[in-house]
Amino acid sequence: MRLPAELAEWVYCGCWHTSAPAIAALRAWRDSHPEAITARNNPALYAEYEALANQVTTPGDVLRAAALRALSPA
């Protein structure tokens, strides 16, 4: 699916705007945990990271939701 450039920019900017606090928190979390964290080697820290990451809205999230809405039966 092709989007007009202006709409794609709006989606990108909207995602950044709504996700900025979570992105800042993720960056701070990463700065305080520079070592590799995985679900296997530190489940608690990995859960913290996942909770923060799940607060970020990506353009892909928005576009998938739009496609599902457009393709679903009325």
C-alpha atoms as a PDB file:
ATOM      1  CA  MET A   1       0.000   0.000   0.000  1.00  0.00           C
ATOM      2  CA  ARG A   2       1.364   3.401  -0.900  1.00  0.00           C
ATOM      3  CA  LEU A   3       0.684   6.385   1.288  1.00  0.00           C
ATOM      4  CA  PRO A   4       0.886   9.990   0.238  1.00  0.00           C
ATOM      5  CA  ALA A   5       4.144  11.445   1.590  1.00  0.00           C
ATOM      6  CA  GLU A   6       2.288  13.979   3.710  1.00  0.00           C
ATOM      7  CA  LEU A   7       0.218  11.268   5.413  1.00  0.00           C
ATOM      8  CA  ALA A   8       3.302   9.143   6.046  1.00  0.00           C
ATOM      9  CA  GLU A   9       4.981  12.150   7.647  1.00  0.00           C
ATOM     10  CA  TRP A  10       1.936  12.783   9.840  1.00  0.00           C
ATOM     11  CA  VAL A  11       1.937   9.154  10.992  1.00  0.00           C
ATOM     12  CA  TYR A  12       5.657   9.280  11.761  1.00  0.00           C
ATOM     13  CA  CYS A  13       5.350  12.581  13.655  1.00  0.00           C
ATOM     14  CA  GLY A  14       2.296  11.405  15.572  1.00  0.00           C
ATOM     15  CA  CYS A  15       4.077   8.235  16.636  1.00  0.00           C
ATOM     16  CA  TRP A  16       7.107  10.201  17.756  1.00  0.00           C
ATOM     17  CA  HIS A  17       4.982  12.718  19.663  1.00  0.00           C
ATOM     18  CA  THR A  18       2.947  10.132  21.535  1.00  0.00           C
ATOM     19  CA  SER A  19       5.953   7.860  22.172  1.00  0.00           C
ATOM     20  CA  ALA A  20       8.504  10.509  23.211  1.00  0.00           C
ATOM     21  CA  PRO A  21       8.187   9.883  26.985  1.00  0.00           C
ATOM     22  CA  ALA A  22       8.539   6.121  26.508  1.00  0.00           C
ATOM     23  CA  ILE A  23      11.500   6.583  24.155  1.00  0.00           C
ATOM     24  CA  ALA A  24      13.206   8.842  26.697  1.00  0.00           C
ATOM     25  CA  ALA A  25      12.553   6.257  29.408  1.00  0.00           C
ATOM     26  CA  LEU A  26      13.963   3.491  27.202  1.00  0.00           C
ATOM     27  CA  ARG A  27      17.103   5.500  26.520  1.00  0.00           C
ATOM     28  CA  ALA A  28      17.563   6.191  30.233  1.00  0.00           C
ATOM     29  CA  TRP A  29      16.963   2.515  31.013  1.00  0.00           C
ATOM     30  CA  ARG A  30      19.539   1.470  28.412  1.00  0.00           C
ATOM     31  CA  ASP A  31      22.077   3.976  29.775  1.00  0.00           C
ATOM     32  CA  SER A  32      21.692   2.492  33.244  1.00  0.00           C
ATOM     33  CA  HIS A  33      21.879  -1.108  31.923  1.00  0.00           C
ATOM     34  CA  PRO A  34      24.586  -1.134  29.226  1.00  0.00           C
ATOM     35  CA  GLU A  35      25.123  -4.884  29.446  1.00  0.00           C
ATOM     36  CA  ALA A  36      23.202  -7.321  27.267  1.00  0.00           C
ATOM     37  CA  ILE A  37      19.858  -8.143  28.885  1.00  0.00           C
ATOM     38  CA  THR A  38      17.821 -11.110  27.699  1.00  0.00           C
ATOM     39  CA  ALA A  39      14.795 -12.948  29.012  1.00  0.00           C
ATOM     40  CA  ARG A  40      17.108 -15.826  29.821  1.00  0.00           C
ATOM     41  CA  ASN A  41      19.919 -14.053  31.692  1.00  0.00           C
ATOM     42  CA  ASN A  42      17.795 -11.525  33.627  1.00  0.00           C
ATOM     43  CA  PRO A  43      14.032 -12.014  33.357  1.00  0.00           C
ATOM     44  CA  ALA A  44      13.149  -9.155  35.717  1.00  0.00           C
ATOM     45  CA  LEU A  45      15.181  -6.523  33.865  1.00  0.00           C
ATOM     46  CA  TYR A  46      13.985  -7.870  30.539  1.00  0.00           C
ATOM     47  CA  ALA A  47      10.385  -7.487  31.740  1.00  0.00           C
ATOM     48  CA  GLU A  48      11.129  -3.849  32.654  1.00  0.00           C
ATOM     49  CA  TYR A  49      12.507  -3.244  29.170  1.00  0.00           C
ATOM     50  CA  GLU A  50       9.537  -4.937  27.510  1.00  0.00           C
ATOM     51  CA  ALA A  51       7.083  -2.863  29.569  1.00  0.00           C
ATOM     52  CA  LEU A  52       8.777   0.338  28.396  1.00  0.00           C
ATOM     53  CA  ALA A  53       9.095  -0.837  24.789  1.00  0.00           C
ATOM     54  CA  ASN A  54       5.407  -1.727  24.680  1.00  0.00           C
ATOM     55  CA  GLN A  55       4.579   1.933  25.342  1.00  0.00           C
ATOM     56  CA  VAL A  56       6.158   2.989  22.036  1.00  0.00           C
ATOM     57  CA  THR A  57       3.781   3.322  19.092  1.00  0.00           C
ATOM     58  CA  THR A  58       5.527   2.644  15.795  1.00  0.00           C
ATOM     59  CA  PRO A  59       4.354   3.675  12.339  1.00  0.00           C
ATOM     60  CA  GLY A  60       4.027  -0.050  11.616  1.00  0.00           C
ATOM     61  CA  ASP A  61       1.574  -0.400  14.507  1.00  0.00           C
ATOM     62  CA  VAL A  62      -0.560   2.412  13.101  1.00  0.00           C
ATOM     63  CA  LEU A  63      -0.443   1.148   9.525  1.00  0.00           C
ATOM     64  CA  ARG A  64      -1.274  -2.449  10.511  1.00  0.00           C
ATOM     65  CA  ALA A  65      -4.230  -1.225  12.576  1.00  0.00           C
ATOM     66  CA  ALA A  66      -5.427   0.932   9.667  1.00  0.00           C
ATOM     67  CA  ALA A  67      -5.151  -1.970   7.218  1.00  0.00           C
ATOM     68  CA  LEU A  68      -7.041  -4.303   9.547  1.00  0.00           C
ATOM     69  CA  ARG A  69      -9.757  -1.708  10.040  1.00  0.00           C
ATOM     70  CA  ALA A  70     -10.021  -1.045   6.302  1.00  0.00           C
ATOM     71  CA  LEU A  71     -10.173  -4.752   5.443  1.00  0.00           C
ATOM     72  CA  SER A  72     -12.546  -5.890   8.172  1.00  0.00           C
ATOM     73  CA  PRO A  73     -16.177  -6.460   7.273  1.00  0.00           C
ATOM     74  CA  ALA A  74     -18.604  -3.743   8.317  1.00  0.00           C
END
